[in-house]
C-alpha atoms as a PDB file:
ATOM      1  CA  MET A   1     -10.149   3.448 114.183  1.00  0.00           C
ATOM      2  CA  ASN A   2      -6.450   3.332 113.538  1.00  0.00           C
ATOM      3  CA  ARG A   3      -6.661   1.226 110.264  1.00  0.00           C
ATOM      4  CA  LYS A   4      -9.074   3.844 108.841  1.00  0.00           C
ATOM      5  CA  LYS A   5      -6.543   6.840 108.673  1.00  0.00           C
ATOM      6  CA  PRO A   6      -4.160   5.293 106.176  1.00  0.00           C
ATOM      7  CA  VAL A   7      -7.266   4.188 103.983  1.00  0.00           C
ATOM      8  CA  ILE A   8      -8.484   7.534 104.045  1.00  0.00           C
ATOM      9  CA  TYR A   9      -5.185   9.178 103.305  1.00  0.00           C
ATOM     10  CA  ILE A  10      -4.399   6.943 100.325  1.00  0.00           C
ATOM     11  CA  SER A  11      -8.225   7.518  98.856  1.00  0.00           C
ATOM     12  CA  VAL A  12      -7.618  11.457  99.176  1.00  0.00           C
ATOM     13  CA  GLY A  13      -3.999  11.166  97.448  1.00  0.00           C
ATOM     14  CA  ILE A  14      -5.486   9.070  94.653  1.00  0.00           C
ATOM     15  CA  ALA A  15      -8.416  11.631  94.206  1.00  0.00           C
ATOM     16  CA  ALA A  16      -6.253  14.492  94.241  1.00  0.00           C
ATOM     17  CA  LEU A  17      -3.931  12.939  91.634  1.00  0.00           C
ATOM     18  CA  ALA A  18      -6.853  12.080  89.321  1.00  0.00           C
ATOM     19  CA  VAL A  19      -7.929  15.757  89.703  1.00  0.00           C
ATOM     20  CA  LEU A  20      -4.299  17.060  88.806  1.00  0.00           C
ATOM     21  CA  ILE A  21      -4.006  14.830  85.839  1.00  0.00           C
ATOM     22  CA  SER A  22      -7.232  15.963  84.582  1.00  0.00           C
ATOM     23  CA  VAL A  23      -6.295  19.583  85.036  1.00  0.00           C
ATOM     24  CA  VAL A  24      -3.124  18.993  83.195  1.00  0.00           C
ATOM     25  CA  ILE A  25      -4.804  17.360  80.119  1.00  0.00           C
ATOM     26  CA  LEU A  26      -7.443  19.999  80.030  1.00  0.00           C
ATOM     27  CA  LYS A  27      -4.911  22.720  80.277  1.00  0.00           C
ATOM     28  CA  THR A  28      -2.392  21.573  77.796  1.00  0.00           C
ATOM     29  CA  GLY A  29      -4.679  20.015  75.267  1.00  0.00           C
ATOM     30  CA  TRP A  30      -2.980  16.813  75.240  1.00  0.00           C
ATOM     31  CA  ASN A  31      -4.530  14.407  72.771  1.00  0.00           C
ATOM     32  CA  SER A  32      -6.642  17.312  71.124  1.00  0.00           C
ATOM     33  CA  ARG A  33      -7.288  17.325  67.539  1.00  0.00           C
ATOM     34  CA  ILE A  34      -5.503  19.776  65.319  1.00  0.00           C
ATOM     35  CA  GLU A  35      -7.392  22.718  64.314  1.00  0.00           C
ATOM     36  CA  THR A  36      -7.627  23.408  60.560  1.00  0.00           C
ATOM     37  CA  PRO A  37      -9.957  25.671  58.771  1.00  0.00           C
ATOM     38  CA  ASN A  38     -13.065  24.106  57.487  1.00  0.00           C
ATOM     39  CA  ALA A  39     -12.576  22.796  53.995  1.00  0.00           C
ATOM     40  CA  ASP A  40     -15.564  24.803  52.735  1.00  0.00           C
ATOM     41  CA  LEU A  41     -13.593  28.131  53.568  1.00  0.00           C
ATOM     42  CA  VAL A  42     -10.330  26.960  51.829  1.00  0.00           C
ATOM     43  CA  GLN A  43      -9.665  28.475  48.565  1.00  0.00           C
ATOM     44  CA  SER A  44      -6.471  26.785  47.554  1.00  0.00           C
ATOM     45  CA  ILE A  45      -3.851  24.343  48.924  1.00  0.00           C
ATOM     46  CA  GLU A  46      -0.340  24.420  48.021  1.00  0.00           C
ATOM     47  CA  MET A  47       1.990  21.537  48.711  1.00  0.00           C
ATOM     48  CA  GLU A  48       5.993  21.516  48.575  1.00  0.00           C
ATOM     49  CA  LEU A  49       7.882  18.425  49.073  1.00  0.00           C
ATOM     50  CA  LYS A  50      11.391  19.076  50.500  1.00  0.00           C
ATOM     51  CA  SER A  51      13.945  16.075  50.170  1.00  0.00           C
ATOM     52  CA  TYR A  52      17.291  15.876  50.815  1.00  0.00           C
ATOM     53  CA  ASP A  53      18.222  13.749  47.655  1.00  0.00           C
ATOM     54  CA  ALA A  54      15.488  14.828  45.173  1.00  0.00           C
ATOM     55  CA  GLY A  55      15.256  18.721  45.936  1.00  0.00           C
ATOM     56  CA  ILE A  56      11.918  20.691  45.869  1.00  0.00           C
ATOM     57  CA  SER A  57       8.698  19.541  44.397  1.00  0.00           C
ATOM     58  CA  VAL A  58       5.600  21.911  44.490  1.00  0.00           C
ATOM     59  CA  ALA A  59       1.911  21.093  43.288  1.00  0.00           C
ATOM     60  CA  SER A  60      -1.213  23.111  44.134  1.00  0.00           C
ATOM     61  CA  THR A  61      -4.908  22.870  43.823  1.00  0.00           C
ATOM     62  CA  GLU A  62      -8.053  24.953  43.826  1.00  0.00           C
ATOM     63  CA  ASN A  63     -10.312  21.900  43.122  1.00  0.00           C
ATOM     64  CA  GLN A  64     -12.813  21.720  46.080  1.00  0.00           C
ATOM     65  CA  SER A  65     -12.826  17.866  46.098  1.00  0.00           C
ATOM     66  CA  GLU A  66      -9.069  17.662  46.499  1.00  0.00           C
ATOM     67  CA  ILE A  67      -8.981  20.254  49.048  1.00  0.00           C
ATOM     68  CA  GLU A  68     -11.703  18.301  51.182  1.00  0.00           C
ATOM     69  CA  ALA A  69      -9.745  15.208  50.831  1.00  0.00           C
ATOM     70  CA  ILE A  70      -6.523  16.813  51.891  1.00  0.00           C
ATOM     71  CA  MET A  71      -8.329  18.782  54.935  1.00  0.00           C
ATOM     72  CA  THR A  72     -10.085  15.544  55.975  1.00  0.00           C
ATOM     73  CA  GLU A  73      -6.876  13.452  56.430  1.00  0.00           C
ATOM     74  CA  LEU A  74      -5.343  16.681  58.039  1.00  0.00           C
ATOM     75  CA  ALA A  75      -8.036  16.735  60.504  1.00  0.00           C
ATOM     76  CA  LYS A  76      -7.334  13.207  61.832  1.00  0.00           C
ATOM     77  CA  ALA A  77      -4.259  14.480  63.651  1.00  0.00           C
ATOM     78  CA  ARG A  78      -3.971  14.429  67.263  1.00  0.00           C
ATOM     79  CA  LYS A  79      -1.696  16.265  69.739  1.00  0.00           C
ATOM     80  CA  ALA A  80       1.648  14.212  70.098  1.00  0.00           C
ATOM     81  CA  SER A  81       3.029  15.860  73.297  1.00  0.00           C
ATOM     82  CA  LEU A  82       2.204  17.675  76.228  1.00  0.00           C
ATOM     83  CA  THR A  83       4.515  20.613  75.495  1.00  0.00           C
ATOM     84  CA  TRP A  84       4.122  23.237  72.932  1.00  0.00           C
ATOM     85  CA  TYR A  85       7.581  24.742  73.059  1.00  0.00           C
ATOM     86  CA  SER A  86       8.580  21.615  70.910  1.00  0.00           C
ATOM     87  CA  ALA A  87       7.018  23.415  67.757  1.00  0.00           C
ATOM     88  CA  ALA A  88       8.844  26.768  68.588  1.00  0.00           C
ATOM     89  CA  ASN A  89      10.245  27.173  65.162  1.00  0.00           C
ATOM     90  CA  ASP A  90       8.934  28.097  61.614  1.00  0.00           C
ATOM     91  CA  ALA A  91       9.457  24.713  60.359  1.00  0.00           C
ATOM     92  CA  PRO A  92      10.368  21.184  61.945  1.00  0.00           C
ATOM     93  CA  GLN A  93      14.097  20.343  62.349  1.00  0.00           C
ATOM     94  CA  VAL A  94      14.132  17.418  59.787  1.00  0.00           C
ATOM     95  CA  GLN A  95      15.584  17.222  56.483  1.00  0.00           C
ATOM     96  CA  GLU A  96      12.436  15.710  54.482  1.00  0.00           C
ATOM     97  CA  TYR A  97       8.966  17.000  54.795  1.00  0.00           C
ATOM     98  CA  LEU A  98       5.867  17.793  53.089  1.00  0.00           C
ATOM     99  CA  ALA A  99       4.780  21.419  53.637  1.00  0.00           C
ATOM    100  CA  VAL A 100       0.876  21.997  53.158  1.00  0.00           C
ATOM    101  CA  ARG A 101      -0.053  25.571  52.977  1.00  0.00           C
ATOM    102  CA  VAL A 102      -3.665  26.102  53.346  1.00  0.00           C
ATOM    103  CA  HIS A 103      -5.099  29.396  52.088  1.00  0.00           C
ATOM    104  CA  ALA A 104      -8.646  29.930  53.409  1.00  0.00           C
ATOM    105  CA  ASP A 105     -10.719  33.038  53.287  1.00  0.00           C
ATOM    106  CA  ARG A 106      -9.810  34.800  56.567  1.00  0.00           C
ATOM    107  CA  ALA A 107      -6.437  33.003  57.344  1.00  0.00           C
ATOM    108  CA  SER A 108      -3.755  30.806  56.068  1.00  0.00           C
ATOM    109  CA  ALA A 109      -1.900  28.095  57.698  1.00  0.00           C
ATOM    110  CA  THR A 110       0.923  25.796  57.021  1.00  0.00           C
ATOM    111  CA  TYR A 111       1.274  22.229  58.260  1.00  0.00           C
ATOM    112  CA  TYR A 112       4.392  20.136  57.858  1.00  0.00           C
ATOM    113  CA  LEU A 113       4.046  16.286  57.422  1.00  0.00           C
ATOM    114  CA  TYR A 114       7.245  14.316  58.250  1.00  0.00           C
ATOM    115  CA  TYR A 115       7.898  10.803  59.032  1.00  0.00           C
ATOM    116  CA  ALA A 116      10.281  10.017  62.228  1.00  0.00           C
ATOM    117  CA  GLY A 117      10.510   7.395  64.236  1.00  0.00           C
ATOM    118  CA  ASP A 118       8.475   5.019  62.164  1.00  0.00           C
ATOM    119  CA  LYS A 119       5.568   7.480  62.622  1.00  0.00           C
ATOM    120  CA  TYR A 120       3.867  10.234  60.477  1.00  0.00           C
ATOM    121  CA  ARG A 121       3.753  13.426  62.546  1.00  0.00           C
ATOM    122  CA  ILE A 122       2.238  17.039  61.593  1.00  0.00           C
ATOM    123  CA  TYR A 123       4.213  20.104  62.868  1.00  0.00           C
ATOM    124  CA  ALA A 124       2.060  23.064  63.159  1.00  0.00           C
ATOM    125  CA  PRO A 125       4.367  26.001  63.884  1.00  0.00           C
ATOM    126  CA  TYR A 126       4.303  27.698  67.275  1.00  0.00           C
ATOM    127  CA  ILE A 127       1.258  25.425  68.076  1.00  0.00           C
ATOM    128  CA  GLY A 128       2.389  21.960  68.479  1.00  0.00           C
ATOM    129  CA  ILE A 129       3.406  18.565  67.051  1.00  0.00           C
ATOM    130  CA  TYR A 130       0.599  16.153  66.238  1.00  0.00           C
ATOM    131  CA  ARG A 131       0.728  12.421  65.297  1.00  0.00           C
ATOM    132  CA  ILE A 132      -1.180  11.117  62.402  1.00  0.00           C
ATOM    133  CA  ASP A 133      -1.974   7.628  61.642  1.00  0.00           C
ATOM    134  CA  GLN A 134       0.065   5.784  58.876  1.00  0.00           C
ATOM    135  CA  ASN A 135      -2.883   5.505  56.322  1.00  0.00           C
ATOM    136  CA  ALA A 136      -3.868   9.259  56.764  1.00  0.00           C
ATOM    137  CA  GLY A 137      -0.213  10.400  56.298  1.00  0.00           C
ATOM    138  CA  TRP A 138      -0.053   8.168  53.357  1.00  0.00           C
ATOM    139  CA  MET A 139      -3.333   9.565  51.890  1.00  0.00           C
ATOM    140  CA  ILE A 140      -1.845  12.976  51.914  1.00  0.00           C
ATOM    141  CA  HIS A 141       1.208  12.017  50.306  1.00  0.00           C
ATOM    142  CA  GLN A 142      -0.859  10.243  47.714  1.00  0.00           C
ATOM    143  CA  GLN A 143      -2.860  13.456  47.114  1.00  0.00           C
ATOM    144  CA  PHE A 144       0.397  15.418  46.573  1.00  0.00           C
ATOM    145  CA  VAL A 145       1.595  12.916  43.887  1.00  0.00           C
ATOM    146  CA  ALA A 146      -1.917  13.025  42.358  1.00  0.00           C
ATOM    147  CA  LEU A 147      -1.495  16.739  41.901  1.00  0.00           C
ATOM    148  CA  GLN A 148       1.462  16.121  39.449  1.00  0.00           C
ATOM    149  CA  PRO A 149       4.219  18.132  41.291  1.00  0.00           C
ATOM    150  CA  THR A 150       6.627  19.994  39.315  1.00  0.00           C
ATOM    151  CA  THR A 151      10.202  19.752  40.539  1.00  0.00           C
ATOM    152  CA  LEU A 152      12.208  23.035  41.046  1.00  0.00           C
ATOM    153  CA  PRO A 153      15.692  23.308  39.666  1.00  0.00           C
ATOM    154  CA  ALA A 154      18.413  23.295  42.329  1.00  0.00           C
ATOM    155  CA  ASN A 155      19.933  26.722  42.907  1.00  0.00           C
END
């Protein structure tokens, strides 16, 4: 009889830990997908590449197939951390990024794609930081290049 008590305590402890972990995952949205507007509702996308050595380049599109390609790649992003406060600024604290400004029917959103620690990340201001696979990040950059960006003169 005495041996059953530790087994019961351990079982209850493991069950409580499993419930706690489940609640944390559900409440924080950890590993959840990024929320983006439906591509059908997007009217235009403006992309701005900020580089410490090349300045700023800008491109935009209203072409629905280009918009759909960009939105499809953005939608692959998943939450990178359990904390929302890591995205508590208007822009990421990195020197180089590609800002993707999405203009939809009822709302607009800006996402920042950057490369840090050998990984692509998407920074959604005041929402969170998302991870995106290498191929999807590369495809978004290729879409930007295909739009034939214009480099702005330095101020």
